[in-house]
Protein backbone atom coordinates (compact mmCIF):
# COMPACT_ATOMS: atom_id res chain seq x y z
CA MET A 1 108.60 91.64 118.94
CA TYR A 2 108.30 88.18 117.43
CA PRO A 3 108.15 85.27 119.91
CA ASP A 4 111.31 83.50 120.99
CA SER A 5 111.43 79.91 119.83
CA LYS A 6 110.44 77.63 122.72
CA ILE A 7 109.61 74.72 120.48
CA ASN A 8 111.92 71.82 119.70
CA LEU A 9 113.00 72.64 116.15
CA LYS A 10 112.86 68.95 115.30
CA ASN A 11 109.12 69.13 115.93
CA PHE A 12 108.38 72.61 114.63
CA PRO A 13 104.76 73.34 113.72
CA SER A 14 103.48 72.46 110.29
CA VAL A 15 100.75 74.86 109.20
CA LEU A 16 98.30 74.28 106.36
CA MET A 17 96.94 77.36 104.62
CA ILE A 18 93.36 76.79 103.46
CA GLY A 19 91.13 79.18 101.57
CA SER A 20 89.11 79.98 98.48
CA PRO A 21 90.85 80.97 95.25
CA ASN A 22 91.69 84.71 95.21
CA ALA A 23 91.42 84.96 99.01
CA GLY A 24 95.01 86.22 99.19
CA LYS A 25 96.33 82.93 100.52
CA SER A 26 99.33 82.59 98.20
CA THR A 27 100.33 86.23 98.62
CA LEU A 28 100.25 85.78 102.41
CA PHE A 29 102.30 82.59 101.99
CA ASN A 30 104.98 84.55 100.11
CA LYS A 31 104.94 87.20 102.85
CA LEU A 32 105.39 84.59 105.61
CA THR A 33 108.08 82.58 103.84
CA ASP A 34 109.85 85.42 102.02
CA ASN A 35 109.40 83.44 98.79
CA ASN A 36 111.69 80.56 99.88
CA ALA A 37 109.17 78.06 98.55
CA LYS A 38 109.15 74.68 96.85
CA THR A 39 106.28 73.58 94.60
CA THR A 40 105.40 69.88 94.64
CA ASN A 41 102.98 67.61 92.78
CA TYR A 42 100.75 65.58 95.07
CA PRO A 43 101.68 61.90 94.44
CA GLY A 44 99.72 60.42 91.55
CA THR A 45 98.36 63.79 90.39
CA THR A 46 99.37 66.91 88.47
CA VAL A 47 97.95 69.29 91.10
CA ASP A 48 100.50 71.43 92.92
CA TYR A 49 100.87 72.51 96.51
CA THR A 50 103.68 74.69 97.82
CA THR A 51 105.83 74.34 100.94
CA GLY A 52 108.09 76.91 102.54
CA TYR A 53 109.70 77.81 105.86
CA SER A 54 109.09 80.94 107.90
CA ARG A 55 111.29 84.00 107.64
CA SER A 56 114.36 84.00 109.88
CA ASP A 57 113.28 87.21 111.67
CA PHE A 58 110.24 85.42 113.15
CA ASN A 59 112.48 83.61 115.71
CA ILE A 60 110.37 80.49 115.30
CA LYS A 61 110.66 77.84 112.63
CA ILE A 62 107.34 77.08 110.96
CA LYS A 63 106.65 74.94 107.93
CA PHE A 64 103.85 76.38 105.78
CA LEU A 65 101.92 74.41 103.16
CA ASP A 66 99.99 76.52 100.67
CA THR A 67 97.21 74.24 99.44
CA PRO A 68 95.15 74.54 96.23
CA GLY A 69 92.21 76.94 96.53
CA ILE A 70 88.90 75.30 97.47
CA TYR A 71 85.26 76.25 98.04
CA SER A 72 84.28 73.41 100.35
CA LEU A 73 85.52 70.35 102.25
CA ASN A 74 83.07 68.33 100.15
CA PRO A 75 85.46 67.69 97.22
CA LYS A 76 84.14 68.15 93.70
CA THR A 77 87.37 69.15 91.92
CA ALA A 78 90.93 67.81 91.78
CA GLU A 79 92.14 70.75 93.90
CA GLU A 80 89.55 70.12 96.61
CA GLU A 81 90.43 66.40 96.58
CA ILE A 82 94.13 67.13 97.11
CA THR A 83 93.48 69.69 99.86
CA ASN A 84 91.27 67.15 101.64
CA LYS A 85 94.03 64.53 101.43
CA LEU A 86 96.54 67.02 102.82
CA LEU A 87 94.15 67.77 105.68
CA PHE A 88 93.13 64.26 106.66
CA LYS A 89 95.77 61.82 105.39
CA ASN A 90 99.10 63.54 104.80
CA LYS A 91 101.79 62.98 107.41
CA GLU A 92 103.20 66.46 106.86
CA ASN A 93 100.37 67.90 108.96
CA GLN A 94 100.60 65.49 111.91
CA THR A 95 103.06 67.60 113.94
CA GLY A 96 100.58 70.27 114.88
CA ASN A 97 97.30 70.19 112.96
CA LEU A 98 97.38 73.98 112.69
CA ILE A 99 95.22 75.58 110.02
CA LEU A 100 95.34 79.13 108.72
CA SER A 101 91.93 79.67 107.19
CA VAL A 102 92.42 82.67 104.91
CA VAL A 103 89.23 84.61 104.16
CA ASP A 104 88.79 87.67 101.96
CA SER A 105 87.07 90.04 104.37
CA THR A 106 85.16 91.67 101.50
CA GLN A 107 83.66 88.23 100.71
CA PHE A 108 83.30 87.23 104.36
CA VAL A 109 79.98 85.37 104.41
CA ARG A 110 80.75 83.04 101.50
CA GLN A 111 84.35 82.24 102.37
CA VAL A 112 84.05 81.83 106.15
CA LEU A 113 81.93 78.72 105.62
CA ILE A 114 85.15 76.73 105.03
CA THR A 115 86.47 78.04 108.36
CA GLN A 116 83.39 76.76 110.15
CA GLN A 117 83.74 73.36 108.50
CA LEU A 118 87.34 73.13 109.71
CA ILE A 119 86.32 74.10 113.25
CA ASP A 120 83.50 71.53 113.24
CA GLN A 121 86.05 68.90 112.20
CA GLY A 122 88.17 69.63 115.27
CA PHE A 123 91.19 71.35 113.72
CA SER A 124 93.08 74.12 115.52
CA VAL A 125 92.11 77.03 113.30
CA ILE A 126 93.30 80.61 113.05
CA LEU A 127 91.01 82.76 110.93
CA VAL A 128 93.08 85.19 108.86
CA LEU A 129 91.11 88.10 107.41
CA SER A 130 92.77 89.43 104.25
CA MET A 131 91.90 92.51 102.17
CA VAL A 132 91.22 94.52 105.34
CA ASP A 133 92.80 97.55 103.66
CA ILE A 134 89.83 97.62 101.28
CA LEU A 135 87.43 97.65 104.25
CA GLU A 136 89.42 100.46 105.86
CA LYS A 137 89.17 102.53 102.69
CA ASN A 138 85.40 102.05 102.85
CA LYS A 139 85.41 102.97 106.58
CA ILE A 140 84.25 99.51 107.67
CA ASN A 141 85.53 98.20 111.01
CA ILE A 142 85.33 94.65 112.37
CA ASN A 143 84.78 93.66 116.00
CA ILE A 144 87.64 91.14 116.01
CA LYS A 145 87.24 90.10 119.66
CA GLU A 146 83.54 89.35 119.34
CA LEU A 147 84.07 87.52 116.04
CA SER A 148 86.72 85.37 117.74
CA ASN A 149 84.27 84.54 120.54
CA LYS A 150 81.53 83.62 118.06
CA LEU A 151 83.80 81.27 116.11
CA ASN A 152 85.73 80.05 119.15
CA CYS A 153 89.06 80.52 117.34
CA PRO A 154 91.70 83.26 117.05
CA VAL A 155 90.99 85.91 114.40
CA VAL A 156 93.83 87.96 112.90
CA PRO A 157 93.28 90.72 110.32
CA VAL A 158 96.27 91.25 108.01
CA ASN A 159 97.16 93.74 105.33
CA ILE A 160 99.09 91.66 102.80
CA ASN A 161 100.48 94.77 101.10
CA ASN A 162 102.63 95.42 104.17
CA ASP A 163 103.42 93.65 107.45
CA ASP A 164 100.33 94.84 109.36
CA GLY A 165 99.02 91.89 111.37
CA ILE A 166 101.92 89.55 110.53
CA LYS A 167 103.45 89.79 114.03
CA ASP A 168 100.08 89.03 115.62
CA LEU A 169 99.64 86.05 113.30
CA ILE A 170 103.06 84.57 114.16
CA LYS A 171 102.30 85.01 117.87
CA GLU A 172 98.98 83.17 117.50
CA ILE A 173 100.71 80.31 115.65
CA HIS A 174 103.33 80.16 118.41
CA ASP A 175 100.73 80.11 121.18
CA LEU A 176 98.43 77.62 119.49
CA SER A 177 101.25 75.21 118.62
CA ALA A 178 102.24 75.05 122.31
CA LYS A 179 98.79 73.78 123.28
CA PRO A 180 97.87 70.07 123.36
CA LYS A 181 97.25 68.50 119.99
CA PRO A 182 93.50 68.50 119.21
CA ASP A 183 91.49 65.37 118.52
CA ILE A 184 90.64 65.39 114.83
CA GLN A 185 87.46 63.62 113.79
CA LYS A 186 88.55 60.51 111.89
CA THR A 187 85.30 60.49 109.97
CA LYS A 188 84.89 63.60 107.88
CA ILE A 189 81.80 65.63 108.71
CA LEU A 190 80.08 66.38 105.43
CA TRP A 191 77.71 69.32 105.34
CA GLN A 192 74.40 68.80 103.63
CA GLU A 193 72.59 71.50 101.65
CA GLN A 194 70.63 72.55 104.75
CA ASP A 195 73.88 72.97 106.70
CA TYR A 196 75.17 75.42 104.11
CA LYS A 197 71.94 77.41 104.17
CA THR A 198 71.80 77.53 107.98
CA ASN A 199 75.43 78.60 108.36
CA PHE A 200 75.18 81.10 105.52
CA LEU A 201 72.23 82.84 107.19
CA SER A 202 74.02 82.71 110.54
CA PHE A 203 77.13 84.40 109.17
CA GLN A 204 75.02 87.01 107.43
CA LYS A 205 73.72 87.99 110.88
CA ILE A 206 77.23 87.92 112.33
CA GLU A 207 78.50 90.18 109.56
CA LYS A 208 75.63 92.59 110.11
CA ASN A 209 76.29 92.76 113.86
CA LEU A 210 80.09 92.73 113.96
CA PHE A 211 80.99 94.79 110.91
CA SER A 212 80.51 98.53 111.48
CA ALA A 213 78.71 98.68 108.17
CA SER A 214 77.43 95.84 106.07
CA VAL A 215 80.11 94.75 103.64
CA LYS A 216 78.69 95.88 100.36
CA ASN A 217 80.20 94.63 97.18
CA TYR A 218 80.97 98.06 95.80
CA SER A 219 81.92 96.44 92.53
CA SER A 220 78.47 94.95 91.89
CA ASN A 221 77.37 97.87 89.71
CA ILE A 222 80.51 97.56 87.62
CA ASP A 223 79.93 93.82 87.31
CA LYS A 224 76.48 94.42 85.85
CA LEU A 225 78.29 95.90 82.86
CA LEU A 226 81.46 93.79 82.73
CA LEU A 227 79.66 90.46 83.23
CA HIS A 228 76.85 91.27 80.81
CA PRO A 229 76.75 88.52 78.14
CA ILE A 230 77.00 91.07 75.30
CA LEU A 231 78.38 94.32 76.72
CA GLY A 232 80.87 92.37 78.81
CA LEU A 233 82.27 90.62 75.74
CA VAL A 234 82.49 93.95 73.90
CA PHE A 235 84.45 95.42 76.81
CA PHE A 236 86.69 92.33 76.99
CA MET A 237 87.48 92.53 73.28
CA SER A 238 88.15 96.26 73.61
CA ILE A 239 90.48 95.96 76.61
CA MET A 240 92.43 93.09 75.04
CA THR A 241 92.69 94.99 71.73
CA LEU A 242 94.03 97.99 73.64
CA LEU A 243 96.55 95.78 75.45
CA PHE A 244 97.81 94.05 72.31
CA ALA A 245 97.92 97.27 70.30
CA SER A 246 99.80 99.08 73.06
CA ILE A 247 102.60 96.53 72.66
CA PHE A 248 103.40 98.37 69.44
CA TRP A 249 102.41 101.90 70.44
CA ILE A 250 104.32 102.18 73.70
CA ALA A 251 107.31 100.06 72.76
CA THR A 252 108.28 101.83 69.52
CA PRO A 253 110.37 104.64 71.12
CA LEU A 254 112.11 102.12 73.38
CA ILE A 255 112.85 99.87 70.42
CA ASP A 256 114.54 102.76 68.61
CA TYR A 257 116.80 103.47 71.60
CA ILE A 258 117.82 99.82 72.03
CA ASP A 259 118.36 99.43 68.30
CA LEU A 260 120.58 102.53 68.25
CA PHE A 261 122.56 101.26 71.26
CA PHE A 262 123.44 97.93 69.65
CA SER A 263 124.19 99.58 66.30
CA ASN A 264 126.60 102.03 67.94
CA LEU A 265 128.16 99.24 69.98
CA ALA A 266 128.74 97.15 66.84
CA GLU A 267 130.24 100.17 65.09
CA VAL A 268 132.64 100.86 67.97
CA ILE A 269 133.76 97.22 67.96
CA MET A 270 134.28 97.23 64.19
CA GLN A 271 136.47 100.36 64.40
CA ILE A 272 138.85 98.81 66.93
CA SER A 273 140.50 96.70 64.24
CA PRO A 274 138.87 97.16 60.81
CA GLY A 275 138.92 94.00 58.71
CA SER A 276 139.83 91.78 61.66
CA LEU A 277 138.07 88.43 61.87
CA TRP A 278 137.47 88.89 65.60
CA THR A 279 135.90 92.32 65.25
CA GLU A 280 133.67 91.01 62.45
CA PHE A 281 132.64 88.14 64.70
CA LEU A 282 131.80 90.46 67.61
CA GLY A 283 130.25 93.27 65.56
CA ASP A 284 128.53 91.60 62.60
CA GLY A 285 127.90 88.25 64.22
CA LEU A 286 127.30 88.38 67.95
CA ILE A 287 126.20 91.96 68.65
CA SER A 288 124.05 92.32 65.54
CA GLY A 289 122.41 88.93 66.16
CA VAL A 290 121.69 89.54 69.84
CA GLY A 291 120.67 93.15 69.16
CA ALA A 292 118.14 92.06 66.53
CA PHE A 293 116.42 90.05 69.28
CA MET A 294 116.83 92.51 72.17
CA VAL A 295 114.97 95.29 70.36
CA PHE A 296 111.75 93.34 70.93
CA VAL A 297 112.18 92.96 74.70
CA PRO A 298 110.17 96.19 75.42
CA GLN A 299 107.17 94.72 73.60
CA ILE A 300 107.38 91.53 75.65
CA ALA A 301 107.75 93.53 78.88
CA ILE A 302 104.67 95.62 78.03
CA LEU A 303 102.65 92.43 77.45
CA PHE A 304 103.64 91.13 80.90
CA LEU A 305 102.91 94.52 82.46
CA GLY A 306 99.44 94.70 80.92
CA LEU A 307 98.51 91.17 81.98
CA GLY A 308 99.81 91.88 85.49
CA LEU A 309 97.70 95.03 85.82
CA LEU A 310 94.55 93.23 84.65
CA GLU A 311 95.21 90.35 87.04
CA ASP A 312 95.93 92.50 90.08
CA SER A 313 92.91 94.74 89.45
CA GLY A 314 90.54 91.77 89.77
CA TYR A 315 89.36 91.92 86.15
CA LEU A 316 90.85 88.66 84.88
CA ALA A 317 88.69 86.62 87.26
CA ARG A 318 85.64 88.32 85.70
CA ALA A 319 86.99 87.57 82.23
CA SER A 320 87.21 83.86 83.12
CA SER A 321 83.59 83.89 84.21
CA LEU A 322 82.55 85.82 81.11
CA ILE A 323 84.39 83.52 78.70
CA ASP A 324 82.97 80.38 80.35
CA LYS A 325 79.89 80.23 78.11
CA PRO A 326 81.70 80.65 74.75
CA LEU A 327 84.34 78.12 75.82
CA SER A 328 81.68 75.62 76.92
CA LYS A 329 80.41 75.51 73.32
CA LEU A 330 83.90 74.40 72.26
CA GLY A 331 84.09 71.61 74.83
CA MET A 332 85.92 73.59 77.53
CA ASN A 333 84.91 76.00 80.29
CA GLY A 334 86.14 79.07 82.17
CA ARG A 335 88.94 77.08 83.80
CA SER A 336 90.66 76.99 80.40
CA PHE A 337 90.83 80.78 80.27
CA VAL A 338 93.79 81.12 82.66
CA PRO A 339 96.01 78.67 80.71
CA ILE A 340 94.97 80.30 77.43
CA LEU A 341 95.80 83.76 78.75
CA SER A 342 99.07 82.46 80.22
CA SER A 343 100.02 81.12 76.79
CA PHE A 344 100.17 84.71 75.52
CA ALA A 345 103.36 84.84 77.56
CA CYS A 346 104.58 81.25 77.07
CA ALA A 347 102.94 77.91 76.33
CA VAL A 348 105.19 76.04 78.78
CA PRO A 349 103.78 77.48 82.06
CA ALA A 350 100.36 77.64 80.39
CA MET A 351 100.37 73.87 79.95
CA MET A 352 101.34 73.47 83.58
CA ALA A 353 98.48 75.80 84.56
CA ALA A 354 96.08 73.46 82.73
CA ARG A 355 96.73 70.88 85.46
CA THR A 356 93.97 72.50 87.50
CA ILE A 357 91.33 71.41 84.96
CA PRO A 358 89.73 68.29 86.49
CA ASN A 359 87.80 67.17 83.41
CA LYS A 360 90.06 65.06 81.17
CA LYS A 361 88.38 66.09 77.94
CA GLU A 362 88.50 69.81 78.73
CA LYS A 363 92.12 69.50 79.82
CA PHE A 364 93.01 67.63 76.60
CA LEU A 365 91.39 70.29 74.40
CA THR A 366 93.05 73.11 76.31
CA LEU A 367 96.50 71.51 76.12
CA PHE A 368 96.09 70.80 72.42
CA ILE A 369 95.25 74.37 71.37
CA LEU A 370 97.68 76.28 73.63
CA PRO A 371 100.55 76.27 71.07
CA LEU A 372 98.27 78.16 68.66
CA MET A 373 98.06 81.17 70.96
CA THR A 374 100.35 84.13 70.24
CA CYS A 375 103.17 83.58 72.73
CA SER A 376 105.83 86.19 73.48
CA ALA A 377 108.34 84.35 71.24
CA ARG A 378 106.13 85.10 68.23
CA ILE A 379 106.16 88.84 68.95
CA PRO A 380 109.59 89.51 67.33
CA VAL A 381 108.50 87.67 64.17
CA TYR A 382 105.12 89.40 63.99
CA ALA A 383 106.65 92.78 64.77
CA LEU A 384 109.20 92.38 61.96
CA ILE A 385 106.55 91.31 59.45
CA ILE A 386 104.15 94.10 60.46
CA SER A 387 106.97 96.67 60.38
CA PHE A 388 107.85 95.50 56.87
CA LEU A 389 104.26 95.72 55.64
CA PHE A 390 103.67 99.14 57.20
CA PHE A 391 107.21 100.57 57.13
CA GLY A 392 107.09 104.32 57.69
CA LYS A 393 103.34 104.28 58.35
CA SER A 394 101.27 104.85 61.48
CA ILE A 395 102.27 102.79 64.53
CA PHE A 396 98.59 102.87 65.53
CA LEU A 397 97.70 100.84 62.44
CA SER A 398 100.54 98.42 63.21
CA GLY A 399 99.25 98.07 66.75
CA PHE A 400 95.77 97.13 65.60
CA ILE A 401 97.22 94.59 63.15
CA LEU A 402 99.16 92.96 65.99
CA ALA A 403 95.97 92.84 68.08
CA THR A 404 94.23 91.18 65.12
CA LEU A 405 96.92 88.49 65.05
CA TYR A 406 96.32 87.74 68.74
CA PHE A 407 92.61 87.29 68.09
CA ALA A 408 93.40 85.21 64.99
CA GLY A 409 95.35 82.84 67.24
CA LEU A 410 92.33 82.59 69.54
CA LEU A 411 90.09 81.93 66.54
CA LEU A 412 92.40 79.19 65.25
CA GLY A 413 92.43 77.60 68.69
CA GLY A 414 88.64 77.78 68.90
CA ILE A 415 88.19 76.15 65.49
CA THR A 416 90.68 73.41 66.37
CA ALA A 417 88.98 72.72 69.72
CA SER A 418 85.55 72.63 68.07
CA ILE A 419 86.71 70.05 65.50
CA ILE A 420 88.46 67.80 68.03
CA ASN A 421 85.54 68.12 70.47
CA HIS A 422 83.29 66.20 68.08
CA PHE A 423 85.60 63.18 68.21
CA LEU A 424 86.10 63.02 71.98
CA PRO A 425 83.49 61.34 74.22
CA GLN A 426 82.22 63.30 77.23
CA LYS A 427 82.48 61.03 80.28
CA GLN A 428 81.38 63.44 82.98
CA ASN A 429 79.55 66.71 83.40
CA SER A 430 81.72 69.67 84.24
CA PHE A 431 81.01 72.92 86.04
CA PHE A 432 82.96 76.10 86.63
CA ILE A 433 82.99 78.13 89.84
CA MET A 434 85.22 81.13 90.41
CA GLU A 435 85.43 83.50 93.35
CA LEU A 436 85.28 87.07 92.06
CA PRO A 437 87.71 89.24 94.04
CA SER A 438 86.92 92.86 94.77
CA TYR A 439 88.16 95.43 92.31
CA LYS A 440 91.22 97.26 93.52
CA VAL A 441 93.90 99.61 92.31
CA PRO A 442 96.79 97.38 91.19
CA ASN A 443 99.85 97.33 93.42
CA ALA A 444 102.33 99.10 91.14
CA LYS A 445 105.41 97.77 92.93
CA LYS A 446 104.17 94.19 92.85
CA VAL A 447 103.10 94.32 89.18
CA PHE A 448 106.34 96.00 88.08
CA LYS A 449 108.43 93.45 89.98
CA GLN A 450 106.42 90.63 88.41
CA MET A 451 106.97 92.16 84.95
CA LEU A 452 110.74 92.34 85.51
CA THR A 453 110.83 88.74 86.74
CA ARG A 454 108.89 87.40 83.75
CA THR A 455 110.84 89.48 81.24
CA ASN A 456 114.13 88.44 82.79
CA SER A 457 113.01 84.81 82.64
CA PHE A 458 112.18 85.21 78.94
CA ILE A 459 115.62 86.71 78.20
CA LYS A 460 117.38 83.99 80.20
CA ASN A 461 115.53 81.25 78.35
CA ALA A 462 115.99 82.71 74.87
CA GLY A 463 119.35 84.45 75.37
CA PRO A 464 121.65 81.39 75.48
CA ILE A 465 119.99 79.90 72.39
CA ILE A 466 120.35 83.15 70.46
CA PHE A 467 123.94 83.56 71.64
CA VAL A 468 124.94 80.08 70.44
CA LEU A 469 123.01 80.30 67.16
CA SER A 470 124.45 83.76 66.43
CA ILE A 471 127.93 82.23 66.67
CA ILE A 472 126.95 79.23 64.52
CA ILE A 473 125.24 81.35 61.86
CA TRP A 474 128.11 83.86 61.69
CA ALA A 475 130.71 81.07 61.43
CA SER A 476 128.74 79.14 58.81
CA SER A 477 128.19 82.38 56.86
CA THR A 478 131.89 83.34 57.00
CA PHE A 479 133.79 80.10 56.47
CA PRO A 480 135.47 78.38 54.68
CA ASN A 481 136.60 81.31 52.47
CA TYR A 482 136.82 83.93 55.19
CA LYS A 483 139.76 85.72 53.50
CA ILE A 484 137.66 86.91 50.56
CA ASP A 485 137.20 90.68 50.94
CA ASN A 486 133.92 90.86 49.03
CA THR A 487 131.32 90.11 51.71
CA ASN A 488 128.62 88.98 49.28
CA GLN A 489 130.98 86.68 47.37
CA ARG A 490 132.29 85.19 50.61
CA PHE A 491 128.75 84.57 51.81
CA GLN A 492 127.69 82.88 48.55
CA GLN A 493 130.55 80.37 49.01
CA SER A 494 129.93 79.77 52.72
CA TYR A 495 128.76 76.62 54.48
CA ALA A 496 125.43 78.32 55.25
CA ALA A 497 124.87 79.01 51.56
CA GLN A 498 125.66 75.40 50.67
CA VAL A 499 123.16 74.04 53.22
CA GLY A 500 120.60 76.70 52.35
CA LYS A 501 120.66 75.93 48.65
CA VAL A 502 120.04 72.24 49.40
CA ILE A 503 116.89 73.03 51.41
CA GLU A 504 115.65 75.87 49.15
CA PRO A 505 113.33 73.60 47.09
CA VAL A 506 111.39 72.86 50.29
CA PHE A 507 110.69 76.51 51.09
CA LYS A 508 110.44 77.97 47.59
CA PRO A 509 106.78 76.88 47.15
CA MET A 510 105.88 79.21 50.06
CA GLY A 511 107.86 82.10 48.55
CA ALA A 512 111.05 81.79 50.60
CA ASP A 513 114.61 81.55 49.34
CA TRP A 514 117.36 79.57 51.07
CA ARG A 515 118.25 82.46 53.41
CA VAL A 516 114.70 82.73 54.70
CA GLY A 517 114.65 78.92 54.83
CA LEU A 518 117.65 78.99 57.16
CA GLY A 519 115.77 81.48 59.33
CA ILE A 520 112.75 79.17 59.49
CA LEU A 521 114.92 76.16 60.36
CA SER A 522 116.70 78.11 63.12
CA SER A 523 113.33 79.14 64.55
CA PHE A 524 112.73 75.53 65.58
CA ALA A 525 115.33 76.14 68.28
CA ALA A 526 113.41 79.27 69.32
CA ARG A 527 110.96 81.29 67.24
CA GLU A 528 112.56 84.60 68.16
CA VAL A 529 115.85 83.43 66.59
CA PHE A 530 114.26 83.93 63.15
CA VAL A 531 114.89 87.68 63.26
CA SER A 532 118.50 87.32 64.42
CA THR A 533 119.14 84.75 61.69
CA LEU A 534 117.80 87.05 58.98
CA ALA A 535 120.00 89.85 60.29
CA SER A 536 123.02 87.53 60.02
CA VAL A 537 122.35 85.88 56.65
CA PHE A 538 121.50 89.20 55.00
CA ASN A 539 124.75 90.68 56.38
CA ILE A 540 123.03 93.47 58.29
CA THR A 541 125.47 95.90 59.91
CA GLU A 542 125.38 99.54 60.92
CA ASP A 543 126.28 100.75 57.43
CA ASN A 544 125.26 104.30 56.55
CA ASP A 545 124.45 105.04 60.18
CA GLU A 546 121.30 102.92 59.97
CA ASP A 547 120.04 101.01 63.00
CA VAL A 548 120.21 97.22 62.66
CA HIS A 549 116.41 96.90 62.75
CA LYS A 550 115.83 99.56 60.09
CA SER A 551 118.68 98.19 57.98
CA LEU A 552 117.08 94.75 58.03
CA LEU A 553 113.71 96.17 56.98
CA LYS A 554 115.29 98.12 54.09
CA THR A 555 117.27 95.08 52.97
CA MET A 556 114.09 92.99 52.99
CA GLN A 557 112.45 95.51 50.65
CA THR A 558 115.12 94.97 47.98
CA ALA A 559 116.21 91.35 48.61
CA ARG A 560 115.87 89.13 45.55
CA PHE A 561 116.15 85.47 44.63
CA VAL A 562 119.53 84.49 43.15
CA ASN A 563 119.25 82.50 39.93
CA SER A 564 121.46 79.52 39.11
CA ASP A 565 123.59 81.68 36.78
CA GLY A 566 124.24 84.20 39.57
CA SER A 567 121.81 86.83 38.28
CA TYR A 568 119.11 88.33 40.48
CA GLY A 569 115.51 87.25 40.08
CA LYS A 570 112.24 88.48 41.57
CA LEU A 571 111.77 90.05 44.99
CA ILE A 572 111.69 87.64 47.92
CA PHE A 573 109.56 89.64 50.33
CA THR A 574 106.29 90.40 48.57
CA LEU A 575 102.78 90.55 49.99
CA PRO A 576 102.06 86.87 49.14
CA SER A 577 105.35 85.60 50.62
CA ILE A 578 105.04 87.76 53.74
CA LEU A 579 101.47 86.54 54.35
CA ALA A 580 102.64 82.95 53.78
CA LEU A 581 105.33 83.48 56.45
CA LEU A 582 102.69 84.90 58.76
CA VAL A 583 100.41 81.89 58.25
CA PHE A 584 103.31 79.51 58.87
CA PHE A 585 104.40 81.14 62.13
CA MET A 586 100.80 81.40 63.38
CA ILE A 587 100.30 77.63 63.21
CA ALA A 588 103.73 75.96 63.37
CA LEU A 589 104.79 74.36 66.65
CA GLN A 590 108.49 75.28 66.81
CA CYS A 591 109.14 75.25 70.55
CA MET A 592 110.77 72.01 71.69
CA ALA A 593 110.29 72.98 75.35
CA THR A 594 106.53 73.04 74.69
CA VAL A 595 106.71 69.59 73.08
CA SER A 596 108.60 68.23 76.09
CA VAL A 597 106.05 69.62 78.57
CA ALA A 598 103.19 68.40 76.35
CA LYS A 599 104.63 64.89 76.59
CA ASN A 600 104.43 65.08 80.39
CA GLU A 601 100.96 66.63 80.49
CA PHE A 602 99.45 64.27 77.91
CA GLY A 603 101.05 61.32 79.68
CA GLY A 604 103.23 60.13 76.80
CA TRP A 605 104.78 60.93 73.44
CA LYS A 606 101.86 59.84 71.25
CA VAL A 607 99.66 62.96 71.46
CA ALA A 608 102.65 65.29 71.82
CA LEU A 609 104.13 64.02 68.54
CA ILE A 610 100.74 64.13 66.80
CA GLN A 611 100.47 67.75 67.93
CA LEU A 612 104.02 68.54 66.73
CA PHE A 613 103.75 66.99 63.27
CA SER A 614 100.13 67.95 62.54
CA PHE A 615 100.64 71.63 63.40
CA ASN A 616 103.85 71.89 61.34
CA ILE A 617 102.49 70.02 58.32
CA ILE A 618 99.28 72.08 58.33
CA ALA A 619 101.33 75.29 58.75
CA TYR A 620 103.50 74.42 55.75
CA VAL A 621 100.59 73.36 53.52
CA LEU A 622 98.56 76.49 54.32
CA ALA A 623 101.62 78.72 53.80
CA VAL A 624 102.15 77.18 50.34
CA ILE A 625 98.45 77.60 49.50
CA THR A 626 98.57 81.23 50.67
CA TYR A 627 101.60 82.07 48.53
CA GLN A 628 100.48 80.18 45.44
CA GLY A 629 96.94 81.51 45.70
CA LEU A 630 97.99 85.16 45.99
CA SER A 631 100.88 85.12 43.52
């Protein structure tokens, strides 16, 4: 039974959650607040902290603040600086001075040092032991009562995967908040090196005496392989290749089903009133355009699923540590790995994730190269190009080609960072510390839910743009002479054709005609729109019982330039022109949302616009060189 609220709700307790990165602090926060959270920038910084209120079934109103992960109260990073300010200066913590010190019980000795620092400072502390389910699996028990006596603070073990220990934790918060407010030391007590050594040895003894078996890092043997400077990199490259290739392998059957669904739906609509302008709009315009995009959703979902599994297993933290040395040679460090990996999904949240990088130079380099990573919006374009090049061939080969493109994006980013690094002065030394969580079997429910959330977010962001552009492209391809029965003749006299023929001289040097040029222009609204635009301008329907996707690929194989006299010229989609398209989409910065966020993160339009124009100009020039050089 949760405690009844005996506290004036106008003065409800405000609880700060403190802990090392990967201690389980944020997951516990979500469990306590039921995800009703608000993320805020600390004034004058780009570092986030999160606030939320306790679940209604607790019968007590508590305000929780989830602070940035720290390793010490002696601040050396932006996150530690903000957490210290929240502890000692922020008014939001003056109502109760309650601290939940969250400690990964499998990393007890290292992480509990923060708890001791908080106790020494005079805060009312509740020690929360997370990951106790891992100890239980290894048949390790903790003498909670004795540990509480040693630390002179309440100790609550919790299993974050369920509600075990949550009731006890709420009760402790209730009881502690009713006690007199403690006297916090106004002057911060800073531990010296000897203090750390003394306390570390002391807690080693406590762990040995109060844990039924010494907490052994059962993953240490695995880490000898995965963190090896050579073998570890080989494994990392292998696992990422497998992930990127599986985007093609696993998604192909799902793509066929979705493609068939939209093709059948368009056919049903067209048969309702054959020749009607409205049925053409719904079937040929809207459904075909949206369907050409939706077929790639399984690939995007598989990417999110794979990244979620790697993250929840504890491997990604190792990868950050492993990649630290190669990144340091490019002017960055392991902190840049998380934003870079996030950019495989989307550059927008990746740029926000770069806020945690305290070093200005490293942050600048990371932000500048993120748009070069293969984001999920590029997947539909790459998948179409790869499917064209290897149409009817092994999906395993296609999968490896897609993986190669991901690594090519990383290589481009590395080269760019290396060049810029030589022109930026280094004002301060930087270091990288990361807590390595224990390996664990990923929580399938959590990872699957996360995948659905991210995929749904992607569809919601791209869907409205594709919907509107599908309408615009269909209308511009149909009017003004919509009464002409011959579809090709009507299209040649359309508004889209008129605009396309004006811009064709710009794109022809890279092997593209005006229809492909329209696709490239539309992709500046959203890259993934490129495929839908091609489906519309090439008049792809469900003719001959073909799926929209397969129909588009077959049309691309025979599509030709149209000469000024109306005759057909050479093929549009050849190896040189396809590779030129690939080069263009690998480098071009076509996402305006990314540009907007870049403006905020760089602190102005200057660098954001330099990034926008330089990437697009270089993309165009290299695409032209590729086509002209291979033709």
